[in-house]
Amino acid sequence: MTILRNNIQRLFKRKGLIFIILLPIIFTTIYLMGSGELKYTVGIVDLDQSRLSEWLLDDIAPDSDLMILEELDQNEIEKMILKNEVDLIMVIHKGYKESVLKGESNLIETYFSSGNQLALLPRNKINTKIQQLNSMATIATSEEDLYELLNRYAVGSVDIIPKVLGGNTDAKKITLSGIGIMVMSMMIFSHSSGTKMNDDKANGIYQRIMAAPVSRKRYSLESMGSLFIMVGLNVIAVMLIIALVLGGDFGPNPINVLVVLLVFALVAVAITNLINSISKDRRQANALNVMITTPLCMLGGCFWPISITPEVMQYVSNFVPTKWVMDAVAKTMAGGSLDTVTNELVILLLFSLAMFAVSSGKRIAWSK
């Protein structure tokens, strides 16, 4: 681990390191401060038309722009979502009130585009409200008793409802919208830190290391390991600042979000390694980094929901790693466990392995 330790020490001694570390923090902070309040557009199809469904809608209304709709068939629902007329559609089927009072499964369905990461948050908030209502229904002795509990809950005099997801929904919305900037910053930070180690080849340090009993494989692995540690430390620092200083909310289990971002850190390091392996000098590497990083972020939904882009772009987004990290972060922030994002994590790992495999067959030829 000598090379790994020395590389980290050299990176910490590097001129301009403070600026490189602060750069992603500054980007994310500016973006979050300028995001303002975000609201969802939720289409409502209330076929029950009961006091219970009315209470549920009133409880959701403060965080969403509700659009009351007539009865829709499946095709009409899909058309509205694909055209981005709404972020999510909630259908309350007839008999909903009776099902709640009987303690049976609720007759509510939600529809949203899989490409709209932000739609996960209102969906989970709706699910939380439904579970809160069910909790009160289980302890109510009659229908009127349930309405009495609902009224007391609305004014804050009842505190017996479990918080399934916890946290501040508005803070989650703003935090998720800033994650894309954080993902872009991770790739920029990885490239800025990675060029220092590749200077070894231009300065003859690499050749002197190879003259010692050190294999090329060990040198590459420890160099990439030190870069991963630096990117990981930066991710932790940015998350702490967002949570403690800016009041962001990473959901009920921020560790899950951190794990997802650390897996993407491997991808960021692999991209850096690939760029450096096909570049002739620092100037070319910097140009390639800009040409690769920006389109990846645009296609992956870092700047805007993928659902608002043309269908062909949504299809292409499946082939970029940024799309999968944004999906995984949205799911974990909405309350999902790591088991729910297994596919996304596996795909990210495959992206990193593929790029490491390609770059390992290249020889870096840096010149001053």
Protein backbone atom coordinates (compact mmCIF):
# COMPACT_ATOMS: atom_id res chain seq x y z
CA MET A 1 0.00 0.00 0.00
CA THR A 2 3.05 2.27 -0.25
CA ILE A 3 2.03 3.72 -3.62
CA LEU A 4 -1.53 4.32 -2.44
CA ARG A 5 -0.36 6.12 0.71
CA ASN A 6 2.21 8.21 -1.16
CA ASN A 7 -0.30 9.20 -3.84
CA ILE A 8 -2.79 10.41 -1.21
CA GLN A 9 -0.04 12.39 0.53
CA ARG A 10 0.99 13.96 -2.78
CA LEU A 11 -2.61 14.83 -3.63
CA PHE A 12 -3.07 16.53 -0.25
CA LYS A 13 0.13 18.55 -0.87
CA ARG A 14 -0.95 19.56 -4.34
CA LYS A 15 -1.29 23.27 -5.06
CA GLY A 16 -4.90 24.25 -5.59
CA LEU A 17 -6.20 21.19 -3.71
CA ILE A 18 -8.50 23.33 -1.56
CA PHE A 19 -10.09 24.79 -4.68
CA ILE A 20 -10.53 21.31 -6.22
CA ILE A 21 -12.20 20.06 -3.03
CA LEU A 22 -14.41 23.12 -2.70
CA LEU A 23 -15.43 23.18 -6.38
CA PRO A 24 -18.14 20.48 -6.16
CA ILE A 25 -19.30 21.89 -2.83
CA ILE A 26 -19.61 25.37 -4.36
CA PHE A 27 -21.46 24.04 -7.44
CA THR A 28 -23.93 22.04 -5.35
CA THR A 29 -24.45 24.85 -2.82
CA ILE A 30 -25.19 27.47 -5.48
CA TYR A 31 -27.59 25.12 -7.23
CA LEU A 32 -29.45 24.21 -4.05
CA MET A 33 -29.70 27.82 -2.87
CA GLY A 34 -31.16 28.83 -6.20
CA SER A 35 -33.56 25.91 -6.54
CA GLY A 36 -36.41 27.48 -4.57
CA GLU A 37 -39.55 25.57 -3.70
CA LEU A 38 -40.51 22.72 -5.99
CA LYS A 39 -44.05 21.44 -6.40
CA TYR A 40 -45.40 18.39 -8.14
CA THR A 41 -48.39 18.23 -10.43
CA VAL A 42 -50.57 15.34 -9.33
CA GLY A 43 -53.57 14.28 -11.40
CA ILE A 44 -56.47 13.07 -9.26
CA VAL A 45 -59.20 10.69 -10.40
CA ASP A 46 -61.56 10.39 -7.40
CA LEU A 47 -64.15 7.76 -8.20
CA ASP A 48 -65.09 7.30 -4.54
CA GLN A 49 -66.16 10.90 -3.80
CA SER A 50 -66.29 10.24 -0.06
CA ARG A 51 -65.33 12.29 3.00
CA LEU A 52 -62.33 10.00 3.39
CA SER A 53 -61.00 10.57 -0.13
CA GLU A 54 -61.65 14.31 0.29
CA TRP A 55 -59.58 14.34 3.51
CA LEU A 56 -56.74 12.51 1.76
CA LEU A 57 -56.67 15.05 -1.08
CA ASP A 58 -56.74 17.97 1.34
CA ASP A 59 -53.78 16.45 3.17
CA ILE A 60 -51.77 16.08 -0.05
CA ALA A 61 -52.68 19.49 -1.52
CA PRO A 62 -50.15 21.70 0.39
CA ASP A 63 -47.19 19.96 -1.28
CA SER A 64 -48.64 19.45 -4.75
CA ASP A 65 -50.60 21.18 -7.48
CA LEU A 66 -53.67 18.97 -7.76
CA MET A 67 -55.36 18.54 -11.13
CA ILE A 68 -58.84 17.06 -10.75
CA LEU A 69 -59.55 14.72 -13.67
CA GLU A 70 -62.51 12.79 -14.97
CA GLU A 71 -62.42 9.00 -15.19
CA LEU A 72 -59.55 7.96 -17.47
CA ASP A 73 -58.74 4.70 -19.20
CA GLN A 74 -55.22 3.24 -19.24
CA ASN A 75 -54.30 4.80 -22.59
CA GLU A 76 -55.37 8.29 -21.48
CA ILE A 77 -53.33 7.98 -18.29
CA GLU A 78 -50.23 6.90 -20.20
CA LYS A 79 -50.69 9.72 -22.71
CA MET A 80 -50.87 12.41 -19.98
CA ILE A 81 -47.75 11.06 -18.25
CA LEU A 82 -45.73 10.74 -21.48
CA LYS A 83 -46.64 14.33 -22.42
CA ASN A 84 -45.50 15.45 -18.94
CA GLU A 85 -48.85 17.10 -18.26
CA VAL A 86 -48.59 15.67 -14.73
CA ASP A 87 -45.81 14.13 -12.65
CA LEU A 88 -48.08 11.48 -11.20
CA ILE A 89 -51.70 10.31 -11.45
CA MET A 90 -53.56 8.90 -8.44
CA VAL A 91 -56.74 6.94 -9.00
CA ILE A 92 -59.05 6.46 -5.99
CA HIS A 93 -61.44 3.67 -6.93
CA LYS A 94 -65.06 3.46 -5.82
CA GLY A 95 -65.42 1.68 -2.50
CA TYR A 96 -62.22 3.16 -1.06
CA LYS A 97 -63.92 4.40 2.12
CA GLU A 98 -65.51 1.01 2.83
CA SER A 99 -62.20 -0.81 2.28
CA VAL A 100 -60.43 1.45 4.81
CA LEU A 101 -63.15 1.02 7.41
CA LYS A 102 -63.02 -2.76 6.99
CA GLY A 103 -59.22 -2.79 7.26
CA GLU A 104 -58.87 -4.27 3.77
CA SER A 105 -56.42 -3.36 0.99
CA ASN A 106 -56.86 0.18 -0.26
CA LEU A 107 -58.36 0.82 -3.68
CA ILE A 108 -55.76 3.40 -4.76
CA GLU A 109 -53.38 3.19 -7.72
CA THR A 110 -50.59 5.57 -8.72
CA TYR A 111 -49.07 5.99 -12.17
CA PHE A 112 -45.87 7.82 -13.14
CA SER A 113 -43.04 7.69 -15.65
CA SER A 114 -40.05 5.54 -14.67
CA GLY A 115 -37.85 8.26 -16.17
CA ASN A 116 -39.14 10.91 -13.74
CA GLN A 117 -37.04 10.43 -10.60
CA LEU A 118 -38.81 13.28 -8.80
CA ALA A 119 -42.15 11.46 -9.07
CA LEU A 120 -40.92 8.88 -6.55
CA LEU A 121 -41.18 11.44 -3.76
CA PRO A 122 -44.87 12.39 -4.14
CA ARG A 123 -45.71 8.72 -4.65
CA ASN A 124 -44.03 7.79 -1.38
CA LYS A 125 -45.60 10.74 0.40
CA ILE A 126 -49.02 9.56 -0.79
CA ASN A 127 -48.22 6.05 0.41
CA THR A 128 -47.22 7.49 3.78
CA LYS A 129 -50.51 9.41 4.06
CA ILE A 130 -52.43 6.25 3.20
CA GLN A 131 -50.61 4.29 5.90
CA GLN A 132 -51.24 7.08 8.40
CA LEU A 133 -54.92 7.00 7.58
CA ASN A 134 -54.97 3.19 7.90
CA SER A 135 -53.31 3.45 11.32
CA MET A 136 -56.08 5.73 12.56
CA ALA A 137 -58.75 3.48 11.02
CA THR A 138 -57.48 0.50 13.03
CA ILE A 139 -57.98 2.29 16.36
CA ALA A 140 -61.23 4.06 15.47
CA THR A 141 -64.36 2.45 16.91
CA SER A 142 -66.67 3.82 14.21
CA GLU A 143 -66.73 5.93 11.06
CA GLU A 144 -67.51 9.10 13.02
CA ASP A 145 -64.73 8.26 15.47
CA LEU A 146 -62.32 8.04 12.52
CA TYR A 147 -63.37 11.49 11.25
CA GLU A 148 -62.89 12.85 14.76
CA LEU A 149 -59.36 11.43 14.84
CA LEU A 150 -58.66 12.92 11.40
CA ASN A 151 -59.79 16.36 12.52
CA ARG A 152 -57.63 16.18 15.64
CA TYR A 153 -54.67 14.99 13.56
CA ALA A 154 -55.12 17.92 11.16
CA VAL A 155 -54.76 20.45 14.01
CA GLY A 156 -51.83 18.58 15.56
CA SER A 157 -53.54 17.27 18.69
CA VAL A 158 -53.00 13.61 17.73
CA ASP A 159 -49.45 12.28 17.63
CA ILE A 160 -49.93 8.56 17.22
CA ILE A 161 -49.36 8.22 13.49
CA PRO A 162 -46.14 6.43 12.51
CA LYS A 163 -43.79 8.32 10.22
CA VAL A 164 -43.03 5.70 7.60
CA LEU A 165 -40.54 7.72 5.59
CA GLY A 166 -39.68 10.55 7.96
CA GLY A 167 -37.87 13.71 7.02
CA ASN A 168 -38.85 16.87 5.26
CA THR A 169 -40.42 16.26 1.85
CA ASP A 170 -39.61 19.75 0.54
CA ALA A 171 -35.98 19.32 1.61
CA LYS A 172 -35.87 15.95 -0.17
CA LYS A 173 -37.16 17.52 -3.39
CA ILE A 174 -34.51 20.21 -3.38
CA THR A 175 -31.76 17.78 -2.33
CA LEU A 176 -32.61 15.35 -5.11
CA SER A 177 -32.58 18.16 -7.67
CA GLY A 178 -29.05 19.05 -6.49
CA ILE A 179 -27.74 15.47 -6.61
CA GLY A 180 -27.26 15.78 -10.38
CA ILE A 181 -24.87 18.70 -9.88
CA MET A 182 -23.09 16.65 -7.22
CA VAL A 183 -22.71 13.73 -9.68
CA MET A 184 -21.20 16.04 -12.30
CA SER A 185 -18.88 17.51 -9.65
CA MET A 186 -17.69 14.01 -8.72
CA MET A 187 -16.52 13.42 -12.27
CA ILE A 188 -14.82 16.81 -12.41
CA PHE A 189 -13.10 16.21 -9.06
CA SER A 190 -11.97 12.73 -10.15
CA HIS A 191 -10.42 14.10 -13.33
CA SER A 192 -8.74 17.04 -11.56
CA SER A 193 -7.18 14.73 -8.99
CA GLY A 194 -6.33 11.99 -11.49
CA THR A 195 -4.16 14.13 -13.74
CA LYS A 196 -1.59 14.50 -10.95
CA MET A 197 -0.82 10.79 -10.91
CA ASN A 198 -0.52 10.67 -14.69
CA ASP A 199 2.09 13.41 -14.53
CA ASP A 200 4.32 10.65 -13.22
CA LYS A 201 4.70 9.43 -16.78
CA ALA A 202 5.67 12.84 -18.10
CA ASN A 203 8.13 13.51 -15.27
CA GLY A 204 9.82 10.11 -15.34
CA ILE A 205 8.54 9.10 -11.89
CA TYR A 206 6.59 6.19 -13.38
CA GLN A 207 9.69 4.80 -15.06
CA ARG A 208 11.68 4.95 -11.80
CA ILE A 209 8.86 3.15 -9.95
CA MET A 210 8.79 0.43 -12.60
CA ALA A 211 12.55 -0.03 -12.13
CA ALA A 212 11.78 -1.08 -8.54
CA PRO A 213 10.16 -4.45 -7.72
CA VAL A 214 6.68 -3.06 -8.38
CA SER A 215 4.39 -4.52 -11.02
CA ARG A 216 2.42 -2.36 -13.42
CA LYS A 217 -0.79 -3.95 -12.12
CA ARG A 218 0.00 -3.00 -8.52
CA TYR A 219 0.87 0.55 -9.54
CA SER A 220 -2.42 0.94 -11.46
CA LEU A 221 -4.57 -0.58 -8.72
CA GLU A 222 -3.07 1.50 -5.92
CA SER A 223 -3.19 4.66 -8.02
CA MET A 224 -6.88 4.13 -8.79
CA GLY A 225 -7.48 3.18 -5.15
CA SER A 226 -6.02 6.46 -3.91
CA LEU A 227 -8.15 8.37 -6.41
CA PHE A 228 -11.28 6.51 -5.25
CA ILE A 229 -10.51 7.41 -1.62
CA MET A 230 -10.18 11.09 -2.53
CA VAL A 231 -13.46 11.10 -4.46
CA GLY A 232 -15.17 9.21 -1.62
CA LEU A 233 -13.97 11.71 0.98
CA ASN A 234 -15.28 14.51 -1.20
CA VAL A 235 -18.70 12.83 -1.47
CA ILE A 236 -18.92 12.54 2.32
CA ALA A 237 -17.91 16.19 2.76
CA VAL A 238 -20.54 17.42 0.27
CA MET A 239 -23.28 15.29 1.85
CA LEU A 240 -22.43 16.60 5.33
CA ILE A 241 -22.55 20.21 4.14
CA ILE A 242 -25.88 19.67 2.34
CA ALA A 243 -27.41 18.00 5.40
CA LEU A 244 -25.94 20.09 8.23
CA VAL A 245 -25.47 23.52 6.64
CA LEU A 246 -28.04 23.73 3.84
CA GLY A 247 -30.78 21.75 5.58
CA GLY A 248 -31.00 19.06 2.92
CA ASP A 249 -32.65 15.69 3.52
CA PHE A 250 -31.26 12.44 2.11
CA GLY A 251 -34.21 10.38 3.29
CA PRO A 252 -34.68 7.93 6.17
CA ASN A 253 -31.32 6.23 5.63
CA PRO A 254 -28.59 8.52 4.26
CA ILE A 255 -26.11 5.63 4.42
CA ASN A 256 -27.93 3.99 1.50
CA VAL A 257 -27.54 7.17 -0.55
CA LEU A 258 -23.84 7.29 0.39
CA VAL A 259 -23.33 3.68 -0.73
CA VAL A 260 -24.93 4.45 -4.10
CA LEU A 261 -22.72 7.52 -4.59
CA LEU A 262 -19.60 5.58 -3.57
CA VAL A 263 -20.41 2.95 -6.19
CA PHE A 264 -20.71 5.75 -8.73
CA ALA A 265 -17.34 7.05 -7.48
CA LEU A 266 -15.88 3.85 -8.98
CA VAL A 267 -17.47 4.84 -12.29
CA ALA A 268 -16.04 8.37 -12.03
CA VAL A 269 -12.55 6.92 -11.39
CA ALA A 270 -12.98 4.51 -14.31
CA ILE A 271 -13.97 7.40 -16.62
CA THR A 272 -10.88 9.33 -15.50
CA ASN A 273 -8.69 6.29 -16.13
CA LEU A 274 -10.20 5.77 -19.59
CA ILE A 275 -9.79 9.41 -20.60
CA ASN A 276 -6.18 9.47 -19.46
CA SER A 277 -5.43 6.20 -21.26
CA ILE A 278 -6.51 7.55 -24.66
CA SER A 279 -5.10 11.08 -24.30
CA LYS A 280 -1.72 12.19 -25.55
CA ASP A 281 -1.30 15.08 -23.15
CA ARG A 282 -3.01 17.03 -20.38
CA ARG A 283 -4.71 19.47 -22.77
CA GLN A 284 -6.33 16.66 -24.72
CA ALA A 285 -7.43 14.94 -21.52
CA ASN A 286 -9.07 18.13 -20.24
CA ALA A 287 -10.93 18.61 -23.52
CA LEU A 288 -12.12 15.00 -23.56
CA ASN A 289 -13.29 15.29 -19.96
CA VAL A 290 -15.55 18.23 -20.85
CA MET A 291 -16.81 16.50 -24.01
CA ILE A 292 -17.70 13.33 -22.06
CA THR A 293 -18.86 14.67 -18.70
CA THR A 294 -21.40 17.22 -19.95
CA PRO A 295 -23.30 14.88 -22.35
CA LEU A 296 -23.32 12.12 -19.72
CA CYS A 297 -24.97 14.47 -17.23
CA MET A 298 -27.47 15.78 -19.77
CA LEU A 299 -28.46 12.30 -20.96
CA GLY A 300 -28.56 10.83 -17.46
CA GLY A 301 -31.05 13.31 -16.00
CA CYS A 302 -28.61 15.22 -13.79
CA PHE A 303 -29.97 18.61 -14.89
CA TRP A 304 -33.61 17.76 -15.58
CA PRO A 305 -35.92 14.70 -15.38
CA ILE A 306 -35.33 12.24 -18.20
CA SER A 307 -39.08 12.05 -18.74
CA ILE A 308 -39.19 15.51 -20.35
CA THR A 309 -36.73 14.51 -23.09
CA PRO A 310 -37.71 12.93 -26.45
CA GLU A 311 -38.27 9.17 -26.46
CA VAL A 312 -35.07 8.52 -28.38
CA MET A 313 -33.07 10.35 -25.70
CA GLN A 314 -34.83 8.36 -22.99
CA TYR A 315 -33.77 5.18 -24.78
CA VAL A 316 -30.17 6.36 -25.15
CA SER A 317 -30.05 7.29 -21.44
CA ASN A 318 -30.17 3.59 -20.58
CA PHE A 319 -26.61 3.32 -21.89
CA VAL A 320 -25.05 5.98 -19.67
CA PRO A 321 -24.11 5.42 -15.99
CA THR A 322 -25.46 8.76 -14.78
CA LYS A 323 -29.03 7.64 -15.49
CA TRP A 324 -28.64 4.63 -13.20
CA VAL A 325 -27.08 6.54 -10.32
CA MET A 326 -29.86 9.14 -10.45
CA ASP A 327 -32.50 6.40 -10.42
CA ALA A 328 -30.81 4.64 -7.50
CA VAL A 329 -30.45 7.84 -5.46
CA ALA A 330 -34.11 8.75 -6.04
CA LYS A 331 -35.26 5.33 -4.85
CA THR A 332 -33.08 5.31 -1.72
CA MET A 333 -34.05 8.88 -0.81
CA ALA A 334 -37.70 7.89 -1.16
CA GLY A 335 -37.22 5.17 1.47
CA GLY A 336 -36.01 2.21 -0.56
CA SER A 337 -33.39 -0.16 0.79
CA LEU A 338 -30.26 -1.22 -1.07
CA ASP A 339 -32.14 -4.35 -2.14
CA THR A 340 -34.47 -2.16 -4.20
CA VAL A 341 -31.55 -0.72 -6.20
CA THR A 342 -29.62 -3.96 -6.75
CA ASN A 343 -30.07 -3.75 -10.53
CA GLU A 344 -28.85 -0.15 -10.63
CA LEU A 345 -25.77 -0.94 -8.51
CA VAL A 346 -24.89 -3.99 -10.63
CA ILE A 347 -25.17 -1.93 -13.82
CA LEU A 348 -22.92 0.79 -12.36
CA LEU A 349 -20.33 -1.82 -11.39
CA LEU A 350 -20.47 -3.30 -14.90
CA PHE A 351 -19.92 0.18 -16.38
CA SER A 352 -16.83 0.68 -14.21
CA LEU A 353 -15.44 -2.81 -14.98
CA ALA A 354 -15.94 -2.29 -18.72
CA MET A 355 -14.13 1.07 -18.69
CA PHE A 356 -11.30 -0.29 -16.54
CA ALA A 357 -10.95 -3.22 -18.96
CA VAL A 358 -10.74 -0.91 -22.00
CA SER A 359 -8.29 1.49 -20.36
CA SER A 360 -6.05 -1.33 -19.12
CA GLY A 361 -5.26 -2.20 -22.73
CA LYS A 362 -4.10 1.32 -23.47
CA ARG A 363 -0.70 2.80 -22.74
CA ILE A 364 -0.66 6.36 -21.47
CA ALA A 365 1.82 8.51 -23.34
CA TRP A 366 1.90 11.82 -21.52
CA SER A 367 4.15 14.61 -22.58
CA LYS A 368 4.76 18.04 -21.15
